[in-house]
């Protein structure tokens, strides 16, 4: 069995080979999806720490359970206002954004 990626040494090299260099359309799309997934994981973790079900969180912010599920699984883009509503109204937490 031949190993095609024997020259890859780092995770960034793997990403470069699979999705292209930073700034390329394919890489940017991958990064966007990865960040959506990470945000969903953070929301899920905070929801569980608040001892809320997806349905309870949805009711607190006027959304449907399926919408919360899609966000937590990284399958939905959400508006910034919705993110703030989920975090601040739904979970009683504060959110800070940093641009690097």
C-alpha atoms as a PDB file:
ATOM      1  CA  UNK A   1       0.000   0.000   0.000  1.00  0.00           C
ATOM      2  CA  UNK A   2       1.496   3.322  -1.102  1.00  0.00           C
ATOM      3  CA  UNK A   3       1.338   6.305   1.258  1.00  0.00           C
ATOM      4  CA  UNK A   4       0.581   9.446  -0.778  1.00  0.00           C
ATOM      5  CA  UNK A   5       1.184  11.932   2.023  1.00  0.00           C
ATOM      6  CA  UNK A   6       4.607  10.797   3.203  1.00  0.00           C
ATOM      7  CA  UNK A   7       5.973  14.362   2.871  1.00  0.00           C
ATOM      8  CA  UNK A   8       3.370  15.871   5.200  1.00  0.00           C
ATOM      9  CA  UNK A   9       4.805  16.618   8.641  1.00  0.00           C
ATOM     10  CA  UNK A  10       2.351  19.111  10.162  1.00  0.00           C
ATOM     11  CA  UNK A  11      -1.387  19.671  10.322  1.00  0.00           C
ATOM     12  CA  UNK A  12      -0.999  22.941   8.385  1.00  0.00           C
ATOM     13  CA  UNK A  13       0.809  21.056   5.626  1.00  0.00           C
ATOM     14  CA  UNK A  14      -2.076  18.591   5.542  1.00  0.00           C
ATOM     15  CA  UNK A  15      -4.566  21.459   5.238  1.00  0.00           C
ATOM     16  CA  UNK A  16      -2.468  23.060   2.488  1.00  0.00           C
ATOM     17  CA  UNK A  17      -2.427  19.824   0.513  1.00  0.00           C
ATOM     18  CA  UNK A  18      -6.091  18.978   1.018  1.00  0.00           C
ATOM     19  CA  UNK A  19      -7.716  22.440   0.896  1.00  0.00           C
ATOM     20  CA  UNK A  20      -5.072  24.678  -0.672  1.00  0.00           C
ATOM     21  CA  UNK A  21      -2.986  27.479   0.744  1.00  0.00           C
ATOM     22  CA  UNK A  22      -4.382  30.094   3.120  1.00  0.00           C
ATOM     23  CA  UNK A  23      -6.494  32.590   1.227  1.00  0.00           C
ATOM     24  CA  UNK A  24      -7.600  30.258  -1.552  1.00  0.00           C
ATOM     25  CA  UNK A  25     -11.351  29.855  -2.007  1.00  0.00           C
ATOM     26  CA  UNK A  26     -11.333  26.160  -1.062  1.00  0.00           C
ATOM     27  CA  UNK A  27      -9.301  26.828   2.112  1.00  0.00           C
ATOM     28  CA  UNK A  28     -11.478  29.790   3.134  1.00  0.00           C
ATOM     29  CA  UNK A  29     -14.613  27.668   2.725  1.00  0.00           C
ATOM     30  CA  UNK A  30     -13.056  24.942   4.862  1.00  0.00           C
ATOM     31  CA  UNK A  31     -12.073  27.458   7.568  1.00  0.00           C
ATOM     32  CA  UNK A  32     -15.593  28.916   7.626  1.00  0.00           C
ATOM     33  CA  UNK A  33     -17.127  25.464   8.091  1.00  0.00           C
ATOM     34  CA  UNK A  34     -14.582  24.586  10.786  1.00  0.00           C
ATOM     35  CA  UNK A  35     -15.355  27.781  12.705  1.00  0.00           C
ATOM     36  CA  UNK A  36     -19.109  27.185  12.413  1.00  0.00           C
ATOM     37  CA  UNK A  37     -18.563  23.738  13.883  1.00  0.00           C
ATOM     38  CA  UNK A  38     -16.435  25.176  16.714  1.00  0.00           C
ATOM     39  CA  UNK A  39     -19.076  27.795  17.554  1.00  0.00           C
ATOM     40  CA  UNK A  40     -21.710  25.063  17.610  1.00  0.00           C
ATOM     41  CA  UNK A  41     -19.592  23.016  19.998  1.00  0.00           C
ATOM     42  CA  UNK A  42     -19.162  26.015  22.302  1.00  0.00           C
ATOM     43  CA  UNK A  43     -22.913  26.642  22.334  1.00  0.00           C
ATOM     44  CA  UNK A  44     -23.584  22.976  23.053  1.00  0.00           C
ATOM     45  CA  UNK A  45     -21.071  22.949  25.910  1.00  0.00           C
ATOM     46  CA  UNK A  46     -22.511  26.130  27.459  1.00  0.00           C
ATOM     47  CA  UNK A  47     -26.069  24.816  27.058  1.00  0.00           C
ATOM     48  CA  UNK A  48     -25.141  21.649  28.922  1.00  0.00           C
ATOM     49  CA  UNK A  49     -23.367  23.643  31.658  1.00  0.00           C
ATOM     50  CA  UNK A  50     -26.586  25.648  32.040  1.00  0.00           C
ATOM     51  CA  UNK A  51     -28.518  22.355  32.379  1.00  0.00           C
ATOM     52  CA  UNK A  52     -30.743  23.208  29.425  1.00  0.00           C
ATOM     53  CA  UNK A  53     -32.069  20.943  26.715  1.00  0.00           C
ATOM     54  CA  UNK A  54     -32.024  22.109  23.126  1.00  0.00           C
ATOM     55  CA  UNK A  55     -35.775  22.621  23.373  1.00  0.00           C
ATOM     56  CA  UNK A  56     -35.473  24.726  26.542  1.00  0.00           C
ATOM     57  CA  UNK A  57     -32.814  26.913  24.953  1.00  0.00           C
ATOM     58  CA  UNK A  58     -34.921  27.268  21.818  1.00  0.00           C
ATOM     59  CA  UNK A  59     -37.930  28.350  23.873  1.00  0.00           C
ATOM     60  CA  UNK A  60     -35.862  30.965  25.712  1.00  0.00           C
ATOM     61  CA  UNK A  61     -34.794  32.630  22.455  1.00  0.00           C
ATOM     62  CA  UNK A  62     -37.916  32.053  20.360  1.00  0.00           C
ATOM     63  CA  UNK A  63     -36.424  29.451  18.044  1.00  0.00           C
ATOM     64  CA  UNK A  64     -37.144  25.837  17.167  1.00  0.00           C
ATOM     65  CA  UNK A  65     -35.279  22.891  18.661  1.00  0.00           C
ATOM     66  CA  UNK A  66     -34.218  21.809  15.165  1.00  0.00           C
ATOM     67  CA  UNK A  67     -32.514  25.179  14.643  1.00  0.00           C
ATOM     68  CA  UNK A  68     -30.524  24.768  17.866  1.00  0.00           C
ATOM     69  CA  UNK A  69     -29.575  21.257  16.766  1.00  0.00           C
ATOM     70  CA  UNK A  70     -28.372  22.480  13.356  1.00  0.00           C
ATOM     71  CA  UNK A  71     -26.261  25.196  15.009  1.00  0.00           C
ATOM     72  CA  UNK A  72     -24.731  22.775  17.504  1.00  0.00           C
ATOM     73  CA  UNK A  73     -23.837  20.399  14.689  1.00  0.00           C
ATOM     74  CA  UNK A  74     -22.287  23.119  12.528  1.00  0.00           C
ATOM     75  CA  UNK A  75     -24.958  22.776   9.843  1.00  0.00           C
ATOM     76  CA  UNK A  76     -26.386  26.287   9.997  1.00  0.00           C
ATOM     77  CA  UNK A  77     -24.984  29.732   9.461  1.00  0.00           C
ATOM     78  CA  UNK A  78     -26.336  32.118  12.032  1.00  0.00           C
ATOM     79  CA  UNK A  79     -26.522  35.871  12.109  1.00  0.00           C
ATOM     80  CA  UNK A  80     -24.461  37.694  14.674  1.00  0.00           C
ATOM     81  CA  UNK A  81     -27.654  38.923  16.330  1.00  0.00           C
ATOM     82  CA  UNK A  82     -28.812  35.313  16.715  1.00  0.00           C
ATOM     83  CA  UNK A  83     -25.463  34.334  18.222  1.00  0.00           C
ATOM     84  CA  UNK A  84     -25.752  37.140  20.768  1.00  0.00           C
ATOM     85  CA  UNK A  85     -29.348  36.142  21.543  1.00  0.00           C
ATOM     86  CA  UNK A  86     -28.360  32.510  22.139  1.00  0.00           C
ATOM     87  CA  UNK A  87     -25.378  33.332  24.319  1.00  0.00           C
ATOM     88  CA  UNK A  88     -26.659  36.333  26.244  1.00  0.00           C
ATOM     89  CA  UNK A  89     -30.426  35.778  26.502  1.00  0.00           C
ATOM     90  CA  UNK A  90     -30.550  32.017  26.243  1.00  0.00           C
ATOM     91  CA  UNK A  91     -27.495  31.082  28.260  1.00  0.00           C
ATOM     92  CA  UNK A  92     -27.023  34.159  30.418  1.00  0.00           C
ATOM     93  CA  UNK A  93     -23.407  34.508  29.330  1.00  0.00           C
ATOM     94  CA  UNK A  94     -21.466  37.332  27.675  1.00  0.00           C
ATOM     95  CA  UNK A  95     -19.765  37.122  24.322  1.00  0.00           C
ATOM     96  CA  UNK A  96     -16.626  38.925  23.166  1.00  0.00           C
ATOM     97  CA  UNK A  97     -15.380  38.848  19.602  1.00  0.00           C
ATOM     98  CA  UNK A  98     -11.761  39.365  18.663  1.00  0.00           C
ATOM     99  CA  UNK A  99     -10.534  40.160  15.189  1.00  0.00           C
ATOM    100  CA  UNK A 100      -6.922  39.218  14.549  1.00  0.00           C
END
